[in-house]
């Protein structure tokens, strides 16, 4: 696992979506600025934890696909059902 590449691509993806930049959230009485909730990714020597999910070893096919998406410069495809409008 190339941790440097993963971290570099995560930094680029965060910049792409405007990390830390407030977004307009429409409310019943108008609108307000809201900071998007981060989606934590914790990398370990032998696996990872995405969000508040379970530990996933690097040998697991879904974990390998997640990492490959990030290494290719994309958001993990497994996030599409939970975030259809983007992360």
C-alpha atoms as a PDB file:
ATOM      1  CA  UNK A   1       0.000   0.000   0.000  1.00  0.00           C
ATOM      2  CA  UNK A   2       1.466   3.360  -1.067  1.00  0.00           C
ATOM      3  CA  UNK A   3       0.403   5.503   1.889  1.00  0.00           C
ATOM      4  CA  UNK A   4       2.055   8.631   0.469  1.00  0.00           C
ATOM      5  CA  UNK A   5       0.031   8.376  -2.749  1.00  0.00           C
ATOM      6  CA  UNK A   6      -3.171   7.708  -0.843  1.00  0.00           C
ATOM      7  CA  UNK A   7      -2.635  10.719   1.424  1.00  0.00           C
ATOM      8  CA  UNK A   8      -1.716  12.953  -1.537  1.00  0.00           C
ATOM      9  CA  UNK A   9      -4.838  11.890  -3.465  1.00  0.00           C
ATOM     10  CA  UNK A  10      -7.065  12.363  -0.410  1.00  0.00           C
ATOM     11  CA  UNK A  11      -5.667  15.874  -0.020  1.00  0.00           C
ATOM     12  CA  UNK A  12      -6.437  16.570  -3.697  1.00  0.00           C
ATOM     13  CA  UNK A  13      -9.967  15.149  -3.391  1.00  0.00           C
ATOM     14  CA  UNK A  14     -10.605  17.251  -0.278  1.00  0.00           C
ATOM     15  CA  UNK A  15      -9.452  20.376  -2.133  1.00  0.00           C
ATOM     16  CA  UNK A  16     -11.702  19.455  -5.059  1.00  0.00           C
ATOM     17  CA  UNK A  17     -14.815  19.455  -2.880  1.00  0.00           C
ATOM     18  CA  UNK A  18     -13.786  22.601  -1.008  1.00  0.00           C
ATOM     19  CA  UNK A  19     -12.704  21.185   2.334  1.00  0.00           C
ATOM     20  CA  UNK A  20     -13.560  23.610   5.118  1.00  0.00           C
ATOM     21  CA  UNK A  21     -15.577  25.888   2.830  1.00  0.00           C
ATOM     22  CA  UNK A  22     -19.112  26.508   4.134  1.00  0.00           C
ATOM     23  CA  UNK A  23     -22.008  25.546   1.889  1.00  0.00           C
ATOM     24  CA  UNK A  24     -25.467  27.061   1.693  1.00  0.00           C
ATOM     25  CA  UNK A  25     -28.095  24.924   3.399  1.00  0.00           C
ATOM     26  CA  UNK A  26     -31.716  25.821   2.680  1.00  0.00           C
ATOM     27  CA  UNK A  27     -34.038  25.890   5.688  1.00  0.00           C
ATOM     28  CA  UNK A  28     -37.766  26.473   6.174  1.00  0.00           C
ATOM     29  CA  UNK A  29     -37.090  30.131   7.025  1.00  0.00           C
ATOM     30  CA  UNK A  30     -34.363  30.856   4.493  1.00  0.00           C
ATOM     31  CA  UNK A  31     -30.825  29.586   4.330  1.00  0.00           C
ATOM     32  CA  UNK A  32     -27.693  29.326   6.430  1.00  0.00           C
ATOM     33  CA  UNK A  33     -24.051  28.441   5.983  1.00  0.00           C
ATOM     34  CA  UNK A  34     -23.041  24.956   7.053  1.00  0.00           C
ATOM     35  CA  UNK A  35     -19.685  23.230   7.059  1.00  0.00           C
ATOM     36  CA  UNK A  36     -19.876  19.748   5.542  1.00  0.00           C
ATOM     37  CA  UNK A  37     -19.315  16.881   7.953  1.00  0.00           C
ATOM     38  CA  UNK A  38     -15.978  15.159   7.289  1.00  0.00           C
ATOM     39  CA  UNK A  39     -15.862  11.473   6.474  1.00  0.00           C
ATOM     40  CA  UNK A  40     -12.905  10.118   8.451  1.00  0.00           C
ATOM     41  CA  UNK A  41     -10.555   7.571   6.943  1.00  0.00           C
ATOM     42  CA  UNK A  42      -8.151   5.903   9.354  1.00  0.00           C
ATOM     43  CA  UNK A  43      -5.279   3.947   7.834  1.00  0.00           C
ATOM     44  CA  UNK A  44      -3.535   1.215   9.790  1.00  0.00           C
ATOM     45  CA  UNK A  45      -0.617  -1.011   8.928  1.00  0.00           C
ATOM     46  CA  UNK A  46      -2.948  -3.930   8.180  1.00  0.00           C
ATOM     47  CA  UNK A  47      -6.259  -2.283   7.247  1.00  0.00           C
ATOM     48  CA  UNK A  48      -8.498   0.761   7.405  1.00  0.00           C
ATOM     49  CA  UNK A  49     -11.669   2.187   8.885  1.00  0.00           C
ATOM     50  CA  UNK A  50     -13.876   4.373   6.662  1.00  0.00           C
ATOM     51  CA  UNK A  51     -16.320   6.621   8.458  1.00  0.00           C
ATOM     52  CA  UNK A  52     -17.569   4.974  11.607  1.00  0.00           C
ATOM     53  CA  UNK A  53     -17.601   1.544  10.020  1.00  0.00           C
ATOM     54  CA  UNK A  54     -15.836  -1.629  10.990  1.00  0.00           C
ATOM     55  CA  UNK A  55     -12.139  -2.354  10.577  1.00  0.00           C
ATOM     56  CA  UNK A  56     -11.420  -3.684   7.097  1.00  0.00           C
ATOM     57  CA  UNK A  57      -8.212  -5.608   6.330  1.00  0.00           C
ATOM     58  CA  UNK A  58      -6.335  -4.657   3.168  1.00  0.00           C
ATOM     59  CA  UNK A  59      -6.779  -8.195   1.807  1.00  0.00           C
ATOM     60  CA  UNK A  60     -10.569  -7.789   1.612  1.00  0.00           C
ATOM     61  CA  UNK A  61     -11.704  -7.193  -2.018  1.00  0.00           C
ATOM     62  CA  UNK A  62     -13.946  -4.235  -1.078  1.00  0.00           C
ATOM     63  CA  UNK A  63     -11.042  -2.595   0.759  1.00  0.00           C
ATOM     64  CA  UNK A  64      -8.759  -3.143  -2.220  1.00  0.00           C
ATOM     65  CA  UNK A  65     -11.358  -1.527  -4.514  1.00  0.00           C
ATOM     66  CA  UNK A  66     -11.716   1.427  -2.138  1.00  0.00           C
ATOM     67  CA  UNK A  67      -7.958   1.990  -2.079  1.00  0.00           C
ATOM     68  CA  UNK A  68      -7.651   1.530  -5.835  1.00  0.00           C
ATOM     69  CA  UNK A  69     -10.315   4.204  -6.404  1.00  0.00           C
ATOM     70  CA  UNK A  70      -8.399   6.613  -4.155  1.00  0.00           C
ATOM     71  CA  UNK A  71      -5.051   5.750  -5.769  1.00  0.00           C
ATOM     72  CA  UNK A  72      -6.631   6.401  -9.184  1.00  0.00           C
ATOM     73  CA  UNK A  73      -7.704   9.850  -7.946  1.00  0.00           C
ATOM     74  CA  UNK A  74     -11.409   9.138  -7.438  1.00  0.00           C
ATOM     75  CA  UNK A  75     -13.729   9.051  -4.466  1.00  0.00           C
ATOM     76  CA  UNK A  76     -14.402   5.445  -3.445  1.00  0.00           C
ATOM     77  CA  UNK A  77     -17.260   4.113  -5.568  1.00  0.00           C
ATOM     78  CA  UNK A  78     -18.775   2.493  -2.469  1.00  0.00           C
ATOM     79  CA  UNK A  79     -19.748   5.991  -1.268  1.00  0.00           C
ATOM     80  CA  UNK A  80     -22.091   6.670  -4.209  1.00  0.00           C
ATOM     81  CA  UNK A  81     -25.219   5.111  -2.641  1.00  0.00           C
ATOM     82  CA  UNK A  82     -24.727   7.072   0.617  1.00  0.00           C
ATOM     83  CA  UNK A  83     -23.702  10.339  -1.097  1.00  0.00           C
ATOM     84  CA  UNK A  84     -25.472  10.467  -4.487  1.00  0.00           C
ATOM     85  CA  UNK A  85     -24.830  14.229  -4.739  1.00  0.00           C
ATOM     86  CA  UNK A  86     -21.169  13.905  -3.791  1.00  0.00           C
ATOM     87  CA  UNK A  87     -19.190  13.672  -0.589  1.00  0.00           C
END
